[in-house]
Amino acid sequence: MTTRRQFLQTGLAGSLLLGIAGCTRPSAGNGRRAIIAAIAPVMLGRALPASDRDTALARTVDAVETAIDGLSLPAQQEIGELFDLLAFAPTRILAAGVWADWPAASAADIGQFLESWRHSRFDLLKSGYAALHDLIFGAWYAAPENWPAIGYPGPPEVK
């Protein structure tokens, strides 16, 4: 049974780690791109083509970045906080259970993290999963070069 003191200590430690992560902006620079590049192949799975996989992944990462840039400033801040949480090693380990840096993380570890957030009892983690899912899948399926792979002929022509 967790005591009140342990609960407060855990909360204080978590607040401290999140505060440090928020102050240092660990996802700045290429940090966010590295996270997206690691998560996208696991989320997209077989939708990524076997041939020219690297190019398709790079286009998807660019499209996610473009989508984030098009969000409102409050939404960009929330997404930034999510990526800061995932980029900062202590919070990445605690919140996602991923010990390795994102480029070195295994697909199994990333998949386990995604599933744990997807089915979490905490709405905040479910929201984080939904944000990652919507950004990555939205970027992927919005690209016309990916439509033939899913049998989508494109939007109808207006005459």
N, C-alpha and C. Protein backbone atom coordinates (compact mmCIF):
# COMPACT_ATOMS: atom_id res chain seq x y z
N MET A 1 0.84 -1.18 0.00
CA MET A 1 0.00 0.00 0.00
C MET A 1 0.89 1.24 0.00
N THR A 2 0.62 2.14 -0.89
CA THR A 2 1.38 3.38 -0.98
C THR A 2 0.93 4.33 0.12
N THR A 3 1.91 4.89 0.81
CA THR A 3 1.59 5.85 1.85
C THR A 3 1.47 7.23 1.25
N ARG A 4 0.86 8.11 2.00
CA ARG A 4 0.71 9.49 1.54
C ARG A 4 2.08 10.11 1.29
N ARG A 5 3.02 9.82 2.14
CA ARG A 5 4.37 10.37 2.00
C ARG A 5 5.03 9.89 0.71
N GLN A 6 4.91 8.59 0.41
CA GLN A 6 5.48 8.05 -0.82
C GLN A 6 4.82 8.69 -2.05
N PHE A 7 3.51 8.87 -1.97
CA PHE A 7 2.77 9.47 -3.06
C PHE A 7 3.26 10.89 -3.31
N LEU A 8 3.44 11.67 -2.24
CA LEU A 8 3.91 13.04 -2.38
C LEU A 8 5.35 13.08 -2.89
N GLN A 9 6.19 12.16 -2.42
CA GLN A 9 7.57 12.13 -2.89
C GLN A 9 7.63 11.78 -4.38
N THR A 10 6.83 10.84 -4.79
CA THR A 10 6.79 10.46 -6.20
C THR A 10 6.30 11.62 -7.05
N GLY A 11 5.26 12.30 -6.58
CA GLY A 11 4.74 13.46 -7.31
C GLY A 11 5.76 14.57 -7.42
N LEU A 12 6.48 14.81 -6.33
CA LEU A 12 7.52 15.84 -6.34
C LEU A 12 8.65 15.48 -7.30
N ALA A 13 9.07 14.22 -7.28
CA ALA A 13 10.14 13.78 -8.19
C ALA A 13 9.68 13.90 -9.64
N GLY A 14 8.44 13.49 -9.91
CA GLY A 14 7.92 13.60 -11.27
C GLY A 14 7.83 15.03 -11.73
N SER A 15 7.38 15.91 -10.85
CA SER A 15 7.29 17.33 -11.18
C SER A 15 8.66 17.91 -11.48
N LEU A 16 9.63 17.52 -10.69
CA LEU A 16 10.99 17.99 -10.89
C LEU A 16 11.53 17.54 -12.25
N LEU A 17 11.33 16.25 -12.57
CA LEU A 17 11.81 15.74 -13.86
C LEU A 17 11.11 16.43 -15.03
N LEU A 18 9.79 16.61 -14.92
CA LEU A 18 9.07 17.28 -16.00
C LEU A 18 9.49 18.74 -16.12
N GLY A 19 9.75 19.37 -14.97
CA GLY A 19 10.22 20.76 -15.00
C GLY A 19 11.56 20.88 -15.69
N ILE A 20 12.46 19.95 -15.38
CA ILE A 20 13.77 19.95 -16.03
C ILE A 20 13.61 19.71 -17.53
N ALA A 21 12.76 18.74 -17.88
CA ALA A 21 12.55 18.44 -19.29
C ALA A 21 11.97 19.65 -20.01
N GLY A 22 11.03 20.35 -19.36
CA GLY A 22 10.42 21.51 -19.98
C GLY A 22 11.38 22.68 -20.13
N CYS A 23 12.30 22.82 -19.20
CA CYS A 23 13.26 23.94 -19.26
C CYS A 23 14.34 23.70 -20.29
N THR A 24 14.73 22.47 -20.48
CA THR A 24 15.84 22.19 -21.38
C THR A 24 15.41 21.99 -22.82
N ARG A 25 14.13 21.79 -23.08
CA ARG A 25 13.60 21.56 -24.43
C ARG A 25 14.39 20.46 -25.15
N PRO A 26 14.39 19.23 -24.60
CA PRO A 26 15.20 18.17 -25.20
C PRO A 26 14.76 17.77 -26.60
N SER A 27 13.55 18.11 -26.99
CA SER A 27 13.12 17.72 -28.33
C SER A 27 13.46 18.79 -29.37
N ALA A 28 14.10 19.87 -28.94
CA ALA A 28 14.48 20.92 -29.89
C ALA A 28 15.50 20.37 -30.89
N GLY A 29 15.62 21.07 -31.98
CA GLY A 29 16.55 20.62 -33.02
C GLY A 29 16.00 19.39 -33.72
N ASN A 30 16.81 18.37 -33.84
CA ASN A 30 16.38 17.14 -34.51
C ASN A 30 15.77 16.12 -33.56
N GLY A 31 15.63 16.46 -32.29
CA GLY A 31 15.08 15.51 -31.32
C GLY A 31 13.70 15.03 -31.68
N ARG A 32 12.83 15.95 -32.06
CA ARG A 32 11.46 15.57 -32.44
C ARG A 32 11.48 14.72 -33.70
N ARG A 33 12.30 15.09 -34.65
CA ARG A 33 12.38 14.31 -35.90
C ARG A 33 12.84 12.89 -35.63
N ALA A 34 13.80 12.73 -34.70
CA ALA A 34 14.30 11.40 -34.37
C ALA A 34 13.20 10.55 -33.73
N ILE A 35 12.40 11.16 -32.89
CA ILE A 35 11.29 10.43 -32.25
C ILE A 35 10.27 10.00 -33.30
N ILE A 36 9.89 10.92 -34.17
CA ILE A 36 8.92 10.60 -35.21
C ILE A 36 9.47 9.51 -36.13
N ALA A 37 10.74 9.63 -36.51
CA ALA A 37 11.36 8.64 -37.40
C ALA A 37 11.42 7.26 -36.76
N ALA A 38 11.50 7.20 -35.44
CA ALA A 38 11.53 5.90 -34.75
C ALA A 38 10.13 5.32 -34.58
N ILE A 39 9.16 6.18 -34.31
CA ILE A 39 7.80 5.71 -34.03
C ILE A 39 7.02 5.40 -35.32
N ALA A 40 7.19 6.22 -36.35
CA ALA A 40 6.39 6.08 -37.58
C ALA A 40 6.47 4.68 -38.20
N PRO A 41 7.65 4.06 -38.35
CA PRO A 41 7.66 2.73 -38.97
C PRO A 41 6.90 1.68 -38.16
N VAL A 42 6.91 1.84 -36.85
CA VAL A 42 6.19 0.89 -36.00
C VAL A 42 4.69 1.10 -36.15
N MET A 43 4.27 2.35 -36.17
CA MET A 43 2.84 2.65 -36.32
C MET A 43 2.33 2.28 -37.71
N LEU A 44 3.10 2.62 -38.72
CA LEU A 44 2.64 2.38 -40.09
C LEU A 44 2.79 0.92 -40.50
N GLY A 45 3.74 0.23 -39.92
CA GLY A 45 3.92 -1.19 -40.20
C GLY A 45 4.11 -1.48 -41.67
N ARG A 46 3.28 -2.36 -42.20
CA ARG A 46 3.41 -2.79 -43.59
C ARG A 46 2.95 -1.74 -44.59
N ALA A 47 2.35 -0.66 -44.11
CA ALA A 47 1.95 0.40 -45.04
C ALA A 47 3.17 1.08 -45.66
N LEU A 48 4.28 1.10 -44.93
CA LEU A 48 5.52 1.63 -45.51
C LEU A 48 6.00 0.67 -46.59
N PRO A 49 6.34 1.17 -47.76
CA PRO A 49 6.79 0.28 -48.82
C PRO A 49 8.15 -0.34 -48.49
N ALA A 50 8.34 -1.58 -48.88
CA ALA A 50 9.63 -2.25 -48.67
C ALA A 50 10.71 -1.59 -49.53
N SER A 51 10.32 -1.23 -50.75
CA SER A 51 11.27 -0.53 -51.62
C SER A 51 11.16 0.97 -51.34
N ASP A 52 12.27 1.62 -51.25
CA ASP A 52 12.31 3.07 -51.02
C ASP A 52 11.70 3.47 -49.67
N ARG A 53 11.89 2.61 -48.70
CA ARG A 53 11.35 2.81 -47.36
C ARG A 53 11.90 4.08 -46.70
N ASP A 54 13.19 4.31 -46.85
CA ASP A 54 13.82 5.49 -46.23
C ASP A 54 13.26 6.79 -46.77
N THR A 55 13.03 6.85 -48.07
CA THR A 55 12.47 8.05 -48.68
C THR A 55 11.04 8.28 -48.20
N ALA A 56 10.26 7.21 -48.15
CA ALA A 56 8.87 7.32 -47.68
C ALA A 56 8.83 7.77 -46.22
N LEU A 57 9.72 7.24 -45.42
CA LEU A 57 9.78 7.63 -44.01
C LEU A 57 10.20 9.09 -43.86
N ALA A 58 11.18 9.53 -44.63
CA ALA A 58 11.63 10.92 -44.57
C ALA A 58 10.51 11.87 -44.99
N ARG A 59 9.75 11.51 -46.03
CA ARG A 59 8.61 12.33 -46.45
C ARG A 59 7.56 12.40 -45.36
N THR A 60 7.34 11.29 -44.68
CA THR A 60 6.34 11.25 -43.60
C THR A 60 6.79 12.13 -42.44
N VAL A 61 8.06 12.05 -42.06
CA VAL A 61 8.58 12.89 -40.97
C VAL A 61 8.43 14.36 -41.35
N ASP A 62 8.77 14.71 -42.58
CA ASP A 62 8.60 16.09 -43.04
C ASP A 62 7.13 16.52 -42.98
N ALA A 63 6.24 15.63 -43.38
CA ALA A 63 4.81 15.95 -43.37
C ALA A 63 4.27 16.13 -41.95
N VAL A 64 4.78 15.33 -41.00
CA VAL A 64 4.38 15.50 -39.60
C VAL A 64 4.85 16.86 -39.10
N GLU A 65 6.08 17.21 -39.41
CA GLU A 65 6.61 18.52 -39.01
C GLU A 65 5.75 19.65 -39.60
N THR A 66 5.37 19.52 -40.85
CA THR A 66 4.52 20.52 -41.50
C THR A 66 3.17 20.60 -40.81
N ALA A 67 2.61 19.45 -40.47
CA ALA A 67 1.31 19.43 -39.78
C ALA A 67 1.41 20.11 -38.41
N ILE A 68 2.47 19.84 -37.68
CA ILE A 68 2.65 20.46 -36.36
C ILE A 68 2.79 21.97 -36.51
N ASP A 69 3.54 22.41 -37.52
CA ASP A 69 3.72 23.84 -37.75
C ASP A 69 2.40 24.54 -38.10
N GLY A 70 1.44 23.79 -38.63
CA GLY A 70 0.15 24.36 -39.00
C GLY A 70 -0.86 24.39 -37.86
N LEU A 71 -0.51 23.82 -36.72
CA LEU A 71 -1.43 23.83 -35.57
C LEU A 71 -1.43 25.19 -34.89
N SER A 72 -2.44 25.42 -34.07
CA SER A 72 -2.49 26.65 -33.28
C SER A 72 -1.32 26.65 -32.29
N LEU A 73 -0.95 27.82 -31.81
CA LEU A 73 0.18 27.90 -30.87
C LEU A 73 -0.05 27.08 -29.60
N PRO A 74 -1.25 27.10 -28.99
CA PRO A 74 -1.44 26.24 -27.81
C PRO A 74 -1.28 24.76 -28.13
N ALA A 75 -1.77 24.34 -29.30
CA ALA A 75 -1.62 22.93 -29.69
C ALA A 75 -0.16 22.60 -29.95
N GLN A 76 0.58 23.53 -30.57
CA GLN A 76 2.01 23.32 -30.79
C GLN A 76 2.75 23.18 -29.47
N GLN A 77 2.35 23.97 -28.47
CA GLN A 77 2.98 23.87 -27.16
C GLN A 77 2.72 22.52 -26.53
N GLU A 78 1.48 22.03 -26.63
CA GLU A 78 1.15 20.73 -26.06
C GLU A 78 1.93 19.61 -26.76
N ILE A 79 2.00 19.68 -28.07
CA ILE A 79 2.76 18.68 -28.82
C ILE A 79 4.24 18.79 -28.44
N GLY A 80 4.74 20.01 -28.28
CA GLY A 80 6.12 20.20 -27.86
C GLY A 80 6.39 19.57 -26.51
N GLU A 81 5.45 19.72 -25.58
CA GLU A 81 5.60 19.11 -24.25
C GLU A 81 5.60 17.59 -24.34
N LEU A 82 4.76 17.05 -25.22
CA LEU A 82 4.73 15.60 -25.42
C LEU A 82 6.09 15.11 -25.93
N PHE A 83 6.64 15.79 -26.92
CA PHE A 83 7.93 15.38 -27.46
C PHE A 83 9.07 15.63 -26.49
N ASP A 84 8.96 16.68 -25.67
CA ASP A 84 9.96 16.90 -24.62
C ASP A 84 9.94 15.74 -23.62
N LEU A 85 8.76 15.31 -23.26
CA LEU A 85 8.62 14.18 -22.34
C LEU A 85 9.27 12.93 -22.93
N LEU A 86 9.05 12.70 -24.21
CA LEU A 86 9.60 11.52 -24.87
C LEU A 86 11.09 11.64 -25.18
N ALA A 87 11.59 12.86 -25.29
CA ALA A 87 13.01 13.06 -25.63
C ALA A 87 13.92 13.04 -24.41
N PHE A 88 13.43 13.47 -23.26
CA PHE A 88 14.24 13.55 -22.05
C PHE A 88 14.37 12.15 -21.45
N ALA A 89 15.59 11.64 -21.35
CA ALA A 89 15.83 10.24 -20.99
C ALA A 89 15.09 9.79 -19.72
N PRO A 90 15.16 10.51 -18.59
CA PRO A 90 14.46 10.02 -17.40
C PRO A 90 12.95 9.92 -17.58
N THR A 91 12.35 10.91 -18.24
CA THR A 91 10.90 10.84 -18.43
C THR A 91 10.53 9.85 -19.53
N ARG A 92 11.39 9.69 -20.52
CA ARG A 92 11.14 8.67 -21.55
C ARG A 92 11.10 7.28 -20.91
N ILE A 93 12.03 7.04 -20.01
CA ILE A 93 12.09 5.73 -19.35
C ILE A 93 10.88 5.54 -18.44
N LEU A 94 10.55 6.55 -17.65
CA LEU A 94 9.43 6.43 -16.71
C LEU A 94 8.07 6.37 -17.41
N ALA A 95 7.87 7.25 -18.37
CA ALA A 95 6.55 7.34 -18.99
C ALA A 95 6.35 6.35 -20.13
N ALA A 96 7.40 6.09 -20.89
CA ALA A 96 7.26 5.24 -22.07
C ALA A 96 7.87 3.86 -21.89
N GLY A 97 8.77 3.73 -20.93
CA GLY A 97 9.43 2.43 -20.73
C GLY A 97 10.46 2.11 -21.80
N VAL A 98 10.90 3.12 -22.53
CA VAL A 98 11.89 2.93 -23.58
C VAL A 98 13.24 3.39 -23.03
N TRP A 99 14.15 2.45 -22.85
CA TRP A 99 15.44 2.74 -22.24
C TRP A 99 16.44 3.32 -23.23
N ALA A 100 16.43 2.84 -24.43
CA ALA A 100 17.40 3.31 -25.43
C ALA A 100 16.94 4.64 -26.03
N ASP A 101 17.90 5.40 -26.55
CA ASP A 101 17.53 6.59 -27.32
C ASP A 101 16.67 6.13 -28.49
N TRP A 102 15.82 7.03 -28.98
CA TRP A 102 14.85 6.63 -30.00
C TRP A 102 15.47 5.98 -31.24
N PRO A 103 16.55 6.52 -31.81
CA PRO A 103 17.11 5.86 -33.00
C PRO A 103 17.61 4.44 -32.72
N ALA A 104 17.99 4.15 -31.47
CA ALA A 104 18.51 2.82 -31.12
C ALA A 104 17.45 1.91 -30.52
N ALA A 105 16.25 2.43 -30.30
CA ALA A 105 15.19 1.62 -29.67
C ALA A 105 14.69 0.56 -30.65
N SER A 106 14.38 -0.60 -30.11
CA SER A 106 13.88 -1.69 -30.96
C SER A 106 12.41 -1.46 -31.30
N ALA A 107 11.99 -2.03 -32.41
CA ALA A 107 10.59 -1.93 -32.82
C ALA A 107 9.68 -2.55 -31.76
N ALA A 108 10.15 -3.62 -31.11
CA ALA A 108 9.35 -4.27 -30.07
C ALA A 108 9.14 -3.34 -28.88
N ASP A 109 10.20 -2.64 -28.46
CA ASP A 109 10.08 -1.70 -27.34
C ASP A 109 9.15 -0.54 -27.69
N ILE A 110 9.27 -0.03 -28.90
CA ILE A 110 8.42 1.07 -29.33
C ILE A 110 6.97 0.59 -29.44
N GLY A 111 6.77 -0.59 -29.99
CA GLY A 111 5.42 -1.14 -30.08
C GLY A 111 4.79 -1.34 -28.71
N GLN A 112 5.58 -1.82 -27.77
CA GLN A 112 5.08 -2.02 -26.41
C GLN A 112 4.70 -0.68 -25.77
N PHE A 113 5.54 0.32 -25.98
CA PHE A 113 5.22 1.67 -25.47
C PHE A 113 3.92 2.18 -26.06
N LEU A 114 3.77 2.06 -27.37
CA LEU A 114 2.56 2.56 -28.03
C LEU A 114 1.31 1.84 -27.54
N GLU A 115 1.40 0.53 -27.41
CA GLU A 115 0.25 -0.23 -26.92
C GLU A 115 -0.09 0.11 -25.47
N SER A 116 0.93 0.33 -24.65
CA SER A 116 0.66 0.67 -23.25
C SER A 116 -0.01 2.04 -23.15
N TRP A 117 0.39 2.98 -23.99
CA TRP A 117 -0.27 4.29 -23.97
C TRP A 117 -1.66 4.21 -24.60
N ARG A 118 -1.80 3.41 -25.63
CA ARG A 118 -3.08 3.28 -26.31
C ARG A 118 -4.15 2.73 -25.37
N HIS A 119 -3.77 1.79 -24.53
CA HIS A 119 -4.73 1.13 -23.64
C HIS A 119 -4.55 1.54 -22.18
N SER A 120 -3.91 2.67 -21.95
CA SER A 120 -3.65 3.12 -20.59
C SER A 120 -4.95 3.47 -19.86
N ARG A 121 -4.91 3.36 -18.56
CA ARG A 121 -6.07 3.79 -17.77
C ARG A 121 -6.05 5.30 -17.56
N PHE A 122 -4.93 5.93 -17.93
CA PHE A 122 -4.80 7.38 -17.79
C PHE A 122 -5.14 8.08 -19.10
N ASP A 123 -6.09 8.99 -19.06
CA ASP A 123 -6.51 9.70 -20.26
C ASP A 123 -5.39 10.52 -20.88
N LEU A 124 -4.49 11.02 -20.06
CA LEU A 124 -3.38 11.82 -20.58
C LEU A 124 -2.49 10.99 -21.52
N LEU A 125 -2.21 9.76 -21.12
CA LEU A 125 -1.39 8.89 -21.98
C LEU A 125 -2.16 8.49 -23.23
N LYS A 126 -3.45 8.23 -23.09
CA LYS A 126 -4.27 7.92 -24.27
C LYS A 126 -4.28 9.09 -25.24
N SER A 127 -4.35 10.31 -24.69
CA SER A 127 -4.32 11.51 -25.54
C SER A 127 -2.97 11.64 -26.25
N GLY A 128 -1.89 11.31 -25.55
CA GLY A 128 -0.57 11.34 -26.17
C GLY A 128 -0.47 10.35 -27.31
N TYR A 129 -1.00 9.15 -27.10
CA TYR A 129 -1.01 8.15 -28.17
C TYR A 129 -1.84 8.65 -29.35
N ALA A 130 -3.02 9.19 -29.05
CA ALA A 130 -3.90 9.67 -30.12
C ALA A 130 -3.23 10.77 -30.93
N ALA A 131 -2.51 11.67 -30.25
CA ALA A 131 -1.81 12.74 -30.96
C ALA A 131 -0.75 12.17 -31.90
N LEU A 132 0.05 11.24 -31.39
CA LEU A 132 1.07 10.62 -32.24
C LEU A 132 0.43 9.88 -33.41
N HIS A 133 -0.60 9.12 -33.12
CA HIS A 133 -1.30 8.35 -34.15
C HIS A 133 -1.86 9.27 -35.23
N ASP A 134 -2.59 10.29 -34.81
CA ASP A 134 -3.23 11.17 -35.78
C ASP A 134 -2.22 11.94 -36.62
N LEU A 135 -1.15 12.40 -35.99
CA LEU A 135 -0.13 13.13 -36.75
C LEU A 135 0.54 12.23 -37.78
N ILE A 136 0.93 11.03 -37.36
CA ILE A 136 1.66 10.14 -38.26
C ILE A 136 0.76 9.58 -39.35
N PHE A 137 -0.42 9.08 -38.98
CA PHE A 137 -1.31 8.53 -39.99
C PHE A 137 -1.87 9.61 -40.90
N GLY A 138 -2.16 10.78 -40.33
CA GLY A 138 -2.64 11.89 -41.16
C GLY A 138 -1.60 12.30 -42.19
N ALA A 139 -0.35 12.38 -41.76
CA ALA A 139 0.73 12.74 -42.68
C ALA A 139 0.90 11.68 -43.76
N TRP A 140 0.81 10.42 -43.36
CA TRP A 140 1.01 9.32 -44.31
C TRP A 140 -0.10 9.28 -45.36
N TYR A 141 -1.34 9.25 -44.91
CA TYR A 141 -2.45 9.07 -45.83
C TYR A 141 -2.84 10.33 -46.58
N ALA A 142 -2.31 11.47 -46.19
CA ALA A 142 -2.57 12.71 -46.93
C ALA A 142 -1.68 12.83 -48.16
N ALA A 143 -0.62 12.05 -48.22
CA ALA A 143 0.32 12.14 -49.34
C ALA A 143 -0.21 11.36 -50.55
N PRO A 144 -0.42 12.04 -51.67
CA PRO A 144 -0.97 11.37 -52.86
C PRO A 144 -0.14 10.18 -53.34
N GLU A 145 1.18 10.20 -53.11
CA GLU A 145 2.01 9.07 -53.56
C GLU A 145 1.72 7.79 -52.79
N ASN A 146 1.03 7.89 -51.65
CA ASN A 146 0.69 6.70 -50.86
C ASN A 146 -0.70 6.14 -51.18
N TRP A 147 -1.48 6.86 -51.94
CA TRP A 147 -2.86 6.45 -52.22
C TRP A 147 -2.98 5.15 -53.01
N PRO A 148 -2.14 4.92 -54.04
CA PRO A 148 -2.29 3.66 -54.78
C PRO A 148 -2.10 2.42 -53.90
N ALA A 149 -1.25 2.51 -52.89
CA ALA A 149 -0.99 1.36 -52.03
C ALA A 149 -2.21 0.96 -51.21
N ILE A 150 -3.12 1.90 -51.02
CA ILE A 150 -4.34 1.58 -50.24
C ILE A 150 -5.57 1.49 -51.12
N GLY A 151 -5.37 1.64 -52.44
CA GLY A 151 -6.48 1.51 -53.37
C GLY A 151 -7.36 2.75 -53.45
N TYR A 152 -6.87 3.88 -53.00
CA TYR A 152 -7.64 5.13 -53.07
C TYR A 152 -7.33 5.82 -54.38
N PRO A 153 -8.32 6.03 -55.22
CA PRO A 153 -8.06 6.63 -56.53
C PRO A 153 -7.83 8.14 -56.46
N GLY A 154 -8.03 8.73 -55.32
CA GLY A 154 -7.90 10.18 -55.18
C GLY A 154 -9.26 10.83 -55.15
N PRO A 155 -9.29 12.12 -54.90
CA PRO A 155 -10.58 12.79 -54.83
C PRO A 155 -11.21 12.84 -56.22
N PRO A 156 -12.52 12.88 -56.24
CA PRO A 156 -13.19 12.93 -57.54
C PRO A 156 -12.91 14.26 -58.25
N GLU A 157 -12.87 14.18 -59.57
CA GLU A 157 -12.65 15.39 -60.36
C GLU A 157 -13.95 16.18 -60.46
N VAL A 158 -13.83 17.47 -60.29
CA VAL A 158 -14.99 18.33 -60.44
C VAL A 158 -14.91 18.95 -61.84
N LYS A 159 -15.98 18.75 -62.59
CA LYS A 159 -15.98 19.26 -63.98
C LYS A 159 -16.89 20.43 -64.10
